[in-house]
Amino acid sequence: LPAAGFAQIVDRTTDAIPTLLELDGAGGMQPVTHLEP
């Protein structure tokens, strides 16, 4: 993963928050609420 996205995942891991994320064009991760095709 890009460094920015991985850092966000580490934050979620440390905070113990289960989350579905989507990789955006800038290398970050955004929460997903609707699983569009």
Full PDB file with SEQRES, HELIX, SHEET, SSBOND, CRYST1, ORIGX, SCALE, CONECT and MASTER records, all heavy atoms in Angstrom:
SEQRES   1 A   37  LEU PRO ALA ALA GLY PHE ALA GLN ILE VAL ASP ARG THR          
SEQRES   2 A   37  THR ASP ALA ILE PRO THR LEU LEU GLU LEU ASP GLY ALA          
SEQRES   3 A   37  GLY GLY MET GLN PRO VAL THR HIS LEU GLU PRO                  
HELIX    1 AA1 ALA A    3  ASP A   15  1                                  13    
SHEET    1 AA1 2 LEU A  21  LEU A  23  0                                        
SHEET    2 AA1 2 MET A  29  PRO A  31 -1                                        
CRYST1    1.000    1.000    1.000  90.00  90.00  90.00 P 1           1          
ORIGX1      1.000000  0.000000  0.000000        0.00000                         
ORIGX2      0.000000  1.000000  0.000000        0.00000                         
ORIGX3      0.000000  0.000000  1.000000        0.00000                         
SCALE1      1.000000  0.000000  0.000000        0.00000                         
SCALE2      0.000000  1.000000  0.000000        0.00000                         
SCALE3      0.000000  0.000000  1.000000        0.00000                         
ATOM      1  N   LEU A   1       0.823  -1.196   0.000  1.00  0.00           N  
ATOM      2  CA  LEU A   1       0.000   0.000   0.000  1.00  0.00           C  
ATOM      3  C   LEU A   1       0.862   1.254   0.000  1.00  0.00           C  
ATOM      4  O   LEU A   1       1.993   1.232   0.494  1.00  0.00           O  
ATOM      5  CB  LEU A   1      -0.902   0.031   1.243  1.00  0.00           C  
ATOM      6  CG  LEU A   1      -1.993  -1.029   1.330  1.00  0.00           C  
ATOM      7  CD1 LEU A   1      -2.590  -1.043   2.726  1.00  0.00           C  
ATOM      8  CD2 LEU A   1      -3.069  -0.768   0.300  1.00  0.00           C  
ATOM      9  N   PRO A   2       0.326   2.358  -0.519  1.00  0.00           N  
ATOM     10  CA  PRO A   2       1.031   3.643  -0.376  1.00  0.00           C  
ATOM     11  C   PRO A   2       1.184   3.997   1.095  1.00  0.00           C  
ATOM     12  O   PRO A   2       0.388   3.570   1.937  1.00  0.00           O  
ATOM     13  CB  PRO A   2       0.108   4.639  -1.097  1.00  0.00           C  
ATOM     14  CG  PRO A   2      -0.748   3.808  -1.988  1.00  0.00           C  
ATOM     15  CD  PRO A   2      -0.903   2.486  -1.298  1.00  0.00           C  
ATOM     16  N   ALA A   3       2.191   4.792   1.411  1.00  0.00           N  
ATOM     17  CA  ALA A   3       2.490   5.123   2.805  1.00  0.00           C  
ATOM     18  C   ALA A   3       1.308   5.792   3.499  1.00  0.00           C  
ATOM     19  O   ALA A   3       0.990   5.490   4.652  1.00  0.00           O  
ATOM     20  CB  ALA A   3       3.725   6.029   2.875  1.00  0.00           C  
ATOM     21  N   ALA A   4       0.623   6.711   2.794  1.00  0.00           N  
ATOM     22  CA  ALA A   4      -0.498   7.422   3.412  1.00  0.00           C  
ATOM     23  C   ALA A   4      -1.628   6.463   3.765  1.00  0.00           C  
ATOM     24  O   ALA A   4      -2.206   6.530   4.859  1.00  0.00           O  
ATOM     25  CB  ALA A   4      -1.014   8.513   2.477  1.00  0.00           C  
ATOM     26  N   GLY A   5      -1.950   5.564   2.858  1.00  0.00           N  
ATOM     27  CA  GLY A   5      -3.020   4.601   3.118  1.00  0.00           C  
ATOM     28  C   GLY A   5      -2.667   3.650   4.237  1.00  0.00           C  
ATOM     29  O   GLY A   5      -3.512   3.324   5.083  1.00  0.00           O  
ATOM     30  N   PHE A   6      -1.422   3.218   4.256  1.00  0.00           N  
ATOM     31  CA  PHE A   6      -1.005   2.298   5.311  1.00  0.00           C  
ATOM     32  C   PHE A   6      -1.066   2.974   6.683  1.00  0.00           C  
ATOM     33  O   PHE A   6      -1.469   2.357   7.676  1.00  0.00           O  
ATOM     34  CB  PHE A   6       0.403   1.786   5.046  1.00  0.00           C  
ATOM     35  CG  PHE A   6       0.879   0.785   6.067  1.00  0.00           C  
ATOM     36  CD1 PHE A   6       0.431  -0.516   6.031  1.00  0.00           C  
ATOM     37  CD2 PHE A   6       1.767   1.167   7.065  1.00  0.00           C  
ATOM     38  CE1 PHE A   6       0.855  -1.440   6.980  1.00  0.00           C  
ATOM     39  CE2 PHE A   6       2.194   0.247   8.012  1.00  0.00           C  
ATOM     40  CZ  PHE A   6       1.737  -1.061   7.967  1.00  0.00           C  
ATOM     41  N   ALA A   7      -0.691   4.253   6.753  1.00  0.00           N  
ATOM     42  CA  ALA A   7      -0.746   4.980   8.026  1.00  0.00           C  
ATOM     43  C   ALA A   7      -2.178   5.048   8.551  1.00  0.00           C  
ATOM     44  O   ALA A   7      -2.414   4.927   9.757  1.00  0.00           O  
ATOM     45  CB  ALA A   7      -0.178   6.382   7.851  1.00  0.00           C  
ATOM     46  N   GLN A   8      -3.144   5.221   7.654  1.00  0.00           N  
ATOM     47  CA  GLN A   8      -4.538   5.256   8.078  1.00  0.00           C  
ATOM     48  C   GLN A   8      -4.988   3.902   8.602  1.00  0.00           C  
ATOM     49  O   GLN A   8      -5.747   3.822   9.575  1.00  0.00           O  
ATOM     50  CB  GLN A   8      -5.423   5.702   6.912  1.00  0.00           C  
ATOM     51  CG  GLN A   8      -5.266   7.165   6.539  1.00  0.00           C  
ATOM     52  CD  GLN A   8      -6.056   7.524   5.303  1.00  0.00           C  
ATOM     53  OE1 GLN A   8      -5.604   7.338   4.179  1.00  0.00           O  
ATOM     54  NE2 GLN A   8      -7.263   8.034   5.514  1.00  0.00           N  
ATOM     55  N   ILE A   9      -4.530   2.853   7.978  1.00  0.00           N  
ATOM     56  CA  ILE A   9      -4.883   1.504   8.436  1.00  0.00           C  
ATOM     57  C   ILE A   9      -4.286   1.231   9.810  1.00  0.00           C  
ATOM     58  O   ILE A   9      -4.937   0.640  10.683  1.00  0.00           O  
ATOM     59  CB  ILE A   9      -4.416   0.458   7.402  1.00  0.00           C  
ATOM     60  CG1 ILE A   9      -5.316   0.534   6.157  1.00  0.00           C  
ATOM     61  CG2 ILE A   9      -4.418  -0.944   7.989  1.00  0.00           C  
ATOM     62  CD1 ILE A   9      -4.844  -0.301   5.003  1.00  0.00           C  
ATOM     63  N   VAL A  10      -3.061   1.673  10.031  1.00  0.00           N  
ATOM     64  CA  VAL A  10      -2.439   1.518  11.346  1.00  0.00           C  
ATOM     65  C   VAL A  10      -3.241   2.264  12.403  1.00  0.00           C  
ATOM     66  O   VAL A  10      -3.455   1.756  13.515  1.00  0.00           O  
ATOM     67  CB  VAL A  10      -0.974   2.014  11.315  1.00  0.00           C  
ATOM     68  CG1 VAL A  10      -0.410   2.137  12.733  1.00  0.00           C  
ATOM     69  CG2 VAL A  10      -0.114   1.055  10.496  1.00  0.00           C  
ATOM     70  N   ASP A  11      -3.735   3.458  12.070  1.00  0.00           N  
ATOM     71  CA  ASP A  11      -4.557   4.212  13.018  1.00  0.00           C  
ATOM     72  C   ASP A  11      -5.814   3.436  13.380  1.00  0.00           C  
ATOM     73  O   ASP A  11      -6.213   3.383  14.547  1.00  0.00           O  
ATOM     74  CB  ASP A  11      -4.938   5.578  12.441  1.00  0.00           C  
ATOM     75  CG  ASP A  11      -3.756   6.546  12.402  1.00  0.00           C  
ATOM     76  OD1 ASP A  11      -2.767   6.292  13.117  1.00  0.00           O  
ATOM     77  OD2 ASP A  11      -3.830   7.535  11.648  1.00  0.00           O  
ATOM     78  N   ARG A  12      -6.466   2.857  12.379  1.00  0.00           N  
ATOM     79  CA  ARG A  12      -7.674   2.064  12.637  1.00  0.00           C  
ATOM     80  C   ARG A  12      -7.349   0.845  13.481  1.00  0.00           C  
ATOM     81  O   ARG A  12      -8.122   0.451  14.350  1.00  0.00           O  
ATOM     82  CB  ARG A  12      -8.305   1.624  11.314  1.00  0.00           C  
ATOM     83  CG  ARG A  12      -8.756   2.767  10.435  1.00  0.00           C  
ATOM     84  CD  ARG A  12     -10.080   3.329  10.881  1.00  0.00           C  
ATOM     85  NE  ARG A  12     -10.486   4.467  10.072  1.00  0.00           N  
ATOM     86  CZ  ARG A  12     -11.708   4.973  10.045  1.00  0.00           C  
ATOM     87  NH1 ARG A  12     -12.638   4.441  10.814  1.00  0.00           N  
ATOM     88  NH2 ARG A  12     -11.997   6.023   9.302  1.00  0.00           N  
ATOM     89  N   THR A  13      -6.202   0.254  13.235  1.00  0.00           N  
ATOM     90  CA  THR A  13      -5.783  -0.920  14.004  1.00  0.00           C  
ATOM     91  C   THR A  13      -5.566  -0.548  15.466  1.00  0.00           C  
ATOM     92  O   THR A  13      -6.049  -1.235  16.371  1.00  0.00           O  
ATOM     93  CB  THR A  13      -4.482  -1.491  13.415  1.00  0.00           C  
ATOM     94  OG1 THR A  13      -4.721  -1.913  12.073  1.00  0.00           O  
ATOM     95  CG2 THR A  13      -3.981  -2.666  14.239  1.00  0.00           C  
ATOM     96  N   THR A  14      -4.856   0.544  15.701  1.00  0.00           N  
ATOM     97  CA  THR A  14      -4.557   0.971  17.063  1.00  0.00           C  
ATOM     98  C   THR A  14      -5.818   1.360  17.812  1.00  0.00           C  
ATOM     99  O   THR A  14      -5.962   1.089  19.007  1.00  0.00           O  
ATOM    100  CB  THR A  14      -3.570   2.150  17.038  1.00  0.00           C  
ATOM    101  OG1 THR A  14      -2.393   1.762  16.304  1.00  0.00           O  
ATOM    102  CG2 THR A  14      -3.154   2.540  18.443  1.00  0.00           C  
ATOM    103  N   ASP A  15      -6.767   1.990  17.095  1.00  0.00           N  
ATOM    104  CA  ASP A  15      -8.019   2.409  17.722  1.00  0.00           C  
ATOM    105  C   ASP A  15      -9.027   1.274  17.833  1.00  0.00           C  
ATOM    106  O   ASP A  15     -10.099   1.462  18.421  1.00  0.00           O  
ATOM    107  CB  ASP A  15      -8.652   3.561  16.927  1.00  0.00           C  
ATOM    108  CG  ASP A  15      -7.818   4.828  16.976  1.00  0.00           C  
ATOM    109  OD1 ASP A  15      -7.004   4.955  17.911  1.00  0.00           O  
ATOM    110  OD2 ASP A  15      -7.973   5.677  16.090  1.00  0.00           O  
ATOM    111  N   ALA A  16      -8.706   0.119  17.267  1.00  0.00           N  
ATOM    112  CA  ALA A  16      -9.591  -1.061  17.303  1.00  0.00           C  
ATOM    113  C   ALA A  16     -10.941  -0.767  16.668  1.00  0.00           C  
ATOM    114  O   ALA A  16     -11.992  -1.134  17.201  1.00  0.00           O  
ATOM    115  CB  ALA A  16      -9.755  -1.567  18.735  1.00  0.00           C  
ATOM    116  N   ILE A  17     -10.918  -0.112  15.494  1.00  0.00           N  
ATOM    117  CA  ILE A  17     -12.152   0.216  14.780  1.00  0.00           C  
ATOM    118  C   ILE A  17     -12.215  -0.611  13.500  1.00  0.00           C  
ATOM    119  O   ILE A  17     -11.472  -0.346  12.544  1.00  0.00           O  
ATOM    120  CB  ILE A  17     -12.216   1.712  14.428  1.00  0.00           C  
ATOM    121  CG1 ILE A  17     -12.099   2.568  15.689  1.00  0.00           C  
ATOM    122  CG2 ILE A  17     -13.503   2.030  13.685  1.00  0.00           C  
ATOM    123  CD1 ILE A  17     -12.001   4.050  15.399  1.00  0.00           C  
ATOM    124  N   PRO A  18     -13.099  -1.622  13.422  1.00  0.00           N  
ATOM    125  CA  PRO A  18     -13.228  -2.378  12.169  1.00  0.00           C  
ATOM    126  C   PRO A  18     -13.861  -1.502  11.098  1.00  0.00           C  
ATOM    127  O   PRO A  18     -14.877  -0.853  11.324  1.00  0.00           O  
ATOM    128  CB  PRO A  18     -14.132  -3.547  12.548  1.00  0.00           C  
ATOM    129  CG  PRO A  18     -14.893  -3.085  13.748  1.00  0.00           C  
ATOM    130  CD  PRO A  18     -14.000  -2.124  14.470  1.00  0.00           C  
ATOM    131  N   THR A  19     -13.257  -1.445   9.932  1.00  0.00           N  
ATOM    132  CA  THR A  19     -13.696  -0.487   8.906  1.00  0.00           C  
ATOM    133  C   THR A  19     -13.457  -1.045   7.512  1.00  0.00           C  
ATOM    134  O   THR A  19     -12.436  -1.664   7.235  1.00  0.00           O  
ATOM    135  CB  THR A  19     -12.922   0.843   9.034  1.00  0.00           C  
ATOM    136  OG1 THR A  19     -12.852   1.252  10.396  1.00  0.00           O  
ATOM    137  CG2 THR A  19     -13.585   1.934   8.225  1.00  0.00           C  
ATOM    138  N   LEU A  20     -14.413  -0.756   6.624  1.00  0.00           N  
ATOM    139  CA  LEU A  20     -14.248  -1.033   5.203  1.00  0.00           C  
ATOM    140  C   LEU A  20     -13.748   0.241   4.538  1.00  0.00           C  
ATOM    141  O   LEU A  20     -14.372   1.296   4.640  1.00  0.00           O  
ATOM    142  CB  LEU A  20     -15.584  -1.465   4.598  1.00  0.00           C  
ATOM    143  CG  LEU A  20     -15.566  -1.873   3.122  1.00  0.00           C  
ATOM    144  CD1 LEU A  20     -14.662  -3.091   2.905  1.00  0.00           C  
ATOM    145  CD2 LEU A  20     -16.983  -2.156   2.636  1.00  0.00           C  
ATOM    146  N   LEU A  21     -12.599   0.158   3.867  1.00  0.00           N  
ATOM    147  CA  LEU A  21     -11.955   1.326   3.269  1.00  0.00           C  
ATOM    148  C   LEU A  21     -11.736   1.125   1.781  1.00  0.00           C  
ATOM    149  O   LEU A  21     -11.597  -0.003   1.298  1.00  0.00           O  
ATOM    150  CB  LEU A  21     -10.604   1.583   3.947  1.00  0.00           C  
ATOM    151  CG  LEU A  21     -10.605   1.848   5.454  1.00  0.00           C  
ATOM    152  CD1 LEU A  21      -9.179   1.855   5.980  1.00  0.00           C  
ATOM    153  CD2 LEU A  21     -11.303   3.166   5.764  1.00  0.00           C  
ATOM    154  N   GLU A  22     -11.681   2.254   1.058  1.00  0.00           N  
ATOM    155  CA  GLU A  22     -11.411   2.213  -0.380  1.00  0.00           C  
ATOM    156  C   GLU A  22     -10.210   3.096  -0.679  1.00  0.00           C  
ATOM    157  O   GLU A  22     -10.110   4.222  -0.175  1.00  0.00           O  
ATOM    158  CB  GLU A  22     -12.633   2.692  -1.165  1.00  0.00           C  
ATOM    159  CG  GLU A  22     -12.441   2.624  -2.682  1.00  0.00           C  
ATOM    160  CD  GLU A  22     -13.735   2.906  -3.438  1.00  0.00           C  
ATOM    161  OE1 GLU A  22     -14.692   2.131  -3.266  1.00  0.00           O  
ATOM    162  OE2 GLU A  22     -13.789   3.922  -4.161  1.00  0.00           O  
ATOM    163  N   LEU A  23      -9.314   2.594  -1.491  1.00  0.00           N  
ATOM    164  CA  LEU A  23      -8.113   3.337  -1.870  1.00  0.00           C  
ATOM    165  C   LEU A  23      -8.483   4.424  -2.868  1.00  0.00           C  
ATOM    166  O   LEU A  23      -9.100   4.156  -3.905  1.00  0.00           O  
ATOM    167  CB  LEU A  23      -7.085   2.386  -2.484  1.00  0.00           C  
ATOM    168  CG  LEU A  23      -5.696   2.952  -2.790  1.00  0.00           C  
ATOM    169  CD1 LEU A  23      -4.977   3.332  -1.507  1.00  0.00           C  
ATOM    170  CD2 LEU A  23      -4.876   1.933  -3.580  1.00  0.00           C  
ATOM    171  N   ASP A  24      -8.139   5.680  -2.530  1.00  0.00           N  
ATOM    172  CA  ASP A  24      -8.457   6.779  -3.437  1.00  0.00           C  
ATOM    173  C   ASP A  24      -7.280   7.084  -4.357  1.00  0.00           C  
ATOM    174  O   ASP A  24      -6.207   6.482  -4.259  1.00  0.00           O  
ATOM    175  CB  ASP A  24      -8.892   8.035  -2.658  1.00  0.00           C  
ATOM    176  CG  ASP A  24      -7.791   8.571  -1.741  1.00  0.00           C  
ATOM    177  OD1 ASP A  24      -6.603   8.341  -2.029  1.00  0.00           O  
ATOM    178  OD2 ASP A  24      -8.133   9.234  -0.741  1.00  0.00           O  
ATOM    179  N   GLY A  25      -7.469   8.054  -5.259  1.00  0.00           N  
ATOM    180  CA  GLY A  25      -6.447   8.363  -6.249  1.00  0.00           C  
ATOM    181  C   GLY A  25      -5.185   8.959  -5.678  1.00  0.00           C  
ATOM    182  O   GLY A  25      -4.119   8.920  -6.307  1.00  0.00           O  
ATOM    183  N   ALA A  26      -5.271   9.505  -4.446  1.00  0.00           N  
ATOM    184  CA  ALA A  26      -4.106  10.135  -3.829  1.00  0.00           C  
ATOM    185  C   ALA A  26      -3.312   9.177  -2.946  1.00  0.00           C  
ATOM    186  O   ALA A  26      -2.364   9.586  -2.275  1.00  0.00           O  
ATOM    187  CB  ALA A  26      -4.561  11.347  -3.001  1.00  0.00           C  
ATOM    188  N   GLY A  27      -3.705   7.928  -2.917  1.00  0.00           N  
ATOM    189  CA  GLY A  27      -2.991   6.948  -2.105  1.00  0.00           C  
ATOM    190  C   GLY A  27      -3.508   6.846  -0.685  1.00  0.00           C  
ATOM    191  O   GLY A  27      -2.928   6.142   0.141  1.00  0.00           O  
ATOM    192  N   GLY A  28      -4.598   7.564  -0.376  1.00  0.00           N  
ATOM    193  CA  GLY A  28      -5.206   7.471   0.952  1.00  0.00           C  
ATOM    194  C   GLY A  28      -6.370   6.501   0.969  1.00  0.00           C  
ATOM    195  O   GLY A  28      -6.765   5.948  -0.065  1.00  0.00           O  
ATOM    196  N   MET A  29      -6.934   6.287   2.142  1.00  0.00           N  
ATOM    197  CA  MET A  29      -8.052   5.364   2.301  1.00  0.00           C  
ATOM    198  C   MET A  29      -9.277   6.134   2.769  1.00  0.00           C  
ATOM    199  O   MET A  29      -9.199   6.936   3.706  1.00  0.00           O  
ATOM    200  CB  MET A  29      -7.720   4.272   3.326  1.00  0.00           C  
ATOM    201  CG  MET A  29      -6.419   3.520   3.067  1.00  0.00           C  
ATOM    202  SD  MET A  29      -6.398   2.593   1.513  1.00  0.00           S  
ATOM    203  CE  MET A  29      -7.717   1.411   1.772  1.00  0.00           C  
ATOM    204  N   GLN A  30     -10.422   5.870   2.139  1.00  0.00           N  
ATOM    205  CA  GLN A  30     -11.664   6.519   2.510  1.00  0.00           C  
ATOM    206  C   GLN A  30     -12.689   5.474   2.957  1.00  0.00           C  
ATOM    207  O   GLN A  30     -12.790   4.410   2.347  1.00  0.00           O  
ATOM    208  CB  GLN A  30     -12.242   7.303   1.308  1.00  0.00           C  
ATOM    209  CG  GLN A  30     -11.323   8.371   0.762  1.00  0.00           C  
ATOM    210  CD  GLN A  30     -11.018   9.445   1.788  1.00  0.00           C  
ATOM    211  OE1 GLN A  30     -11.864   9.789   2.616  1.00  0.00           O  
ATOM    212  NE2 GLN A  30      -9.801   9.977   1.750  1.00  0.00           N  
ATOM    213  N   PRO A  31     -13.452   5.759   4.018  1.00  0.00           N  
ATOM    214  CA  PRO A  31     -14.482   4.804   4.470  1.00  0.00           C  
ATOM    215  C   PRO A  31     -15.521   4.577   3.376  1.00  0.00           C  
ATOM    216  O   PRO A  31     -15.876   5.492   2.628  1.00  0.00           O  
ATOM    217  CB  PRO A  31     -15.097   5.493   5.690  1.00  0.00           C  
ATOM    218  CG  PRO A  31     -14.076   6.476   6.146  1.00  0.00           C  
ATOM    219  CD  PRO A  31     -13.363   6.936   4.906  1.00  0.00           C  
ATOM    220  N   VAL A  32     -16.008   3.351   3.310  1.00  0.00           N  
ATOM    221  CA  VAL A  32     -17.025   2.966   2.325  1.00  0.00           C  
ATOM    222  C   VAL A  32     -18.316   2.646   3.064  1.00  0.00           C  
ATOM    223  O   VAL A  32     -18.322   1.868   4.018  1.00  0.00           O  
ATOM    224  CB  VAL A  32     -16.580   1.732   1.517  1.00  0.00           C  
ATOM    225  CG1 VAL A  32     -17.664   1.315   0.538  1.00  0.00           C  
ATOM    226  CG2 VAL A  32     -15.286   2.019   0.787  1.00  0.00           C  
ATOM    227  N   THR A  33     -19.411   3.237   2.612  1.00  0.00           N  
ATOM    228  CA  THR A  33     -20.709   2.945   3.214  1.00  0.00           C  
ATOM    229  C   THR A  33     -21.644   2.216   2.253  1.00  0.00           C  
ATOM    230  O   THR A  33     -22.563   1.522   2.683  1.00  0.00           O  
ATOM    231  CB  THR A  33     -21.398   4.235   3.698  1.00  0.00           C  
ATOM    232  OG1 THR A  33     -21.501   5.147   2.596  1.00  0.00           O  
ATOM    233  CG2 THR A  33     -20.596   4.884   4.816  1.00  0.00           C  
ATOM    234  N   HIS A  34     -21.418   2.384   0.952  1.00  0.00           N  
ATOM    235  CA  HIS A  34     -22.216   1.681  -0.053  1.00  0.00           C  
ATOM    236  C   HIS A  34     -21.273   1.002  -1.036  1.00  0.00           C  
ATOM    237  O   HIS A  34     -20.374   1.646  -1.589  1.00  0.00           O  
ATOM    238  CB  HIS A  34     -23.148   2.637  -0.799  1.00  0.00           C  
ATOM    239  CG  HIS A  34     -24.270   3.147   0.029  1.00  0.00           C  
ATOM    240  ND1 HIS A  34     -24.127   4.178   0.939  1.00  0.00           N  
ATOM    241  CD2 HIS A  34     -25.565   2.743   0.118  1.00  0.00           C  
ATOM    242  CE1 HIS A  34     -25.287   4.411   1.532  1.00  0.00           C  
ATOM    243  NE2 HIS A  34     -26.171   3.550   1.060  1.00  0.00           N  
ATOM    244  N   LEU A  35     -21.482  -0.272  -1.249  1.00  0.00           N  
ATOM    245  CA  LEU A  35     -20.594  -1.048  -2.105  1.00  0.00           C  
ATOM    246  C   LEU A  35     -21.070  -0.972  -3.551  1.00  0.00           C  
ATOM    247  O   LEU A  35     -21.705  -1.888  -4.073  1.00  0.00           O  
ATOM    248  CB  LEU A  35     -20.540  -2.507  -1.619  1.00  0.00           C  
ATOM    249  CG  LEU A  35     -19.967  -2.694  -0.218  1.00  0.00           C  
ATOM    250  CD1 LEU A  35     -19.953  -4.164   0.165  1.00  0.00           C  
ATOM    251  CD2 LEU A  35     -18.567  -2.134  -0.129  1.00  0.00           C  
ATOM    252  N   GLU A  36     -20.756   0.137  -4.184  1.00  0.00           N  
ATOM    253  CA  GLU A  36     -21.124   0.310  -5.583  1.00  0.00           C  
ATOM    254  C   GLU A  36     -20.153  -0.470  -6.468  1.00  0.00           C  
ATOM    255  O   GLU A  36     -18.969  -0.609  -6.144  1.00  0.00           O  
ATOM    256  CB  GLU A  36     -21.087   1.800  -5.966  1.00  0.00           C  
ATOM    257  CG  GLU A  36     -21.976   2.683  -5.110  1.00  0.00           C  
ATOM    258  CD  GLU A  36     -23.450   2.389  -5.307  1.00  0.00           C  
ATOM    259  OE1 GLU A  36     -23.794   1.759  -6.339  1.00  0.00           O  
ATOM    260  OE2 GLU A  36     -24.244   2.767  -4.434  1.00  0.00           O  
ATOM    261  N   PRO A  37     -20.634  -0.987  -7.611  1.00  0.00           N  
ATOM    262  CA  PRO A  37     -19.722  -1.699  -8.526  1.00  0.00           C  
ATOM    263  C   PRO A  37     -18.720  -0.742  -9.165  1.00  0.00           C  
ATOM    264  O   PRO A  37     -18.937   0.475  -9.209  1.00  0.00           O  
ATOM    265  CB  PRO A  37     -20.683  -2.298  -9.562  1.00  0.00           C  
ATOM    266  CG  PRO A  37     -21.899  -1.412  -9.519  1.00  0.00           C  
ATOM    267  CD  PRO A  37     -22.016  -0.960  -8.089  1.00  0.00           C  
TER     268      PRO A  37                                                      
MASTER        0    0    0    1    2    0    0    6  267    1    0    3          
END                                                                             
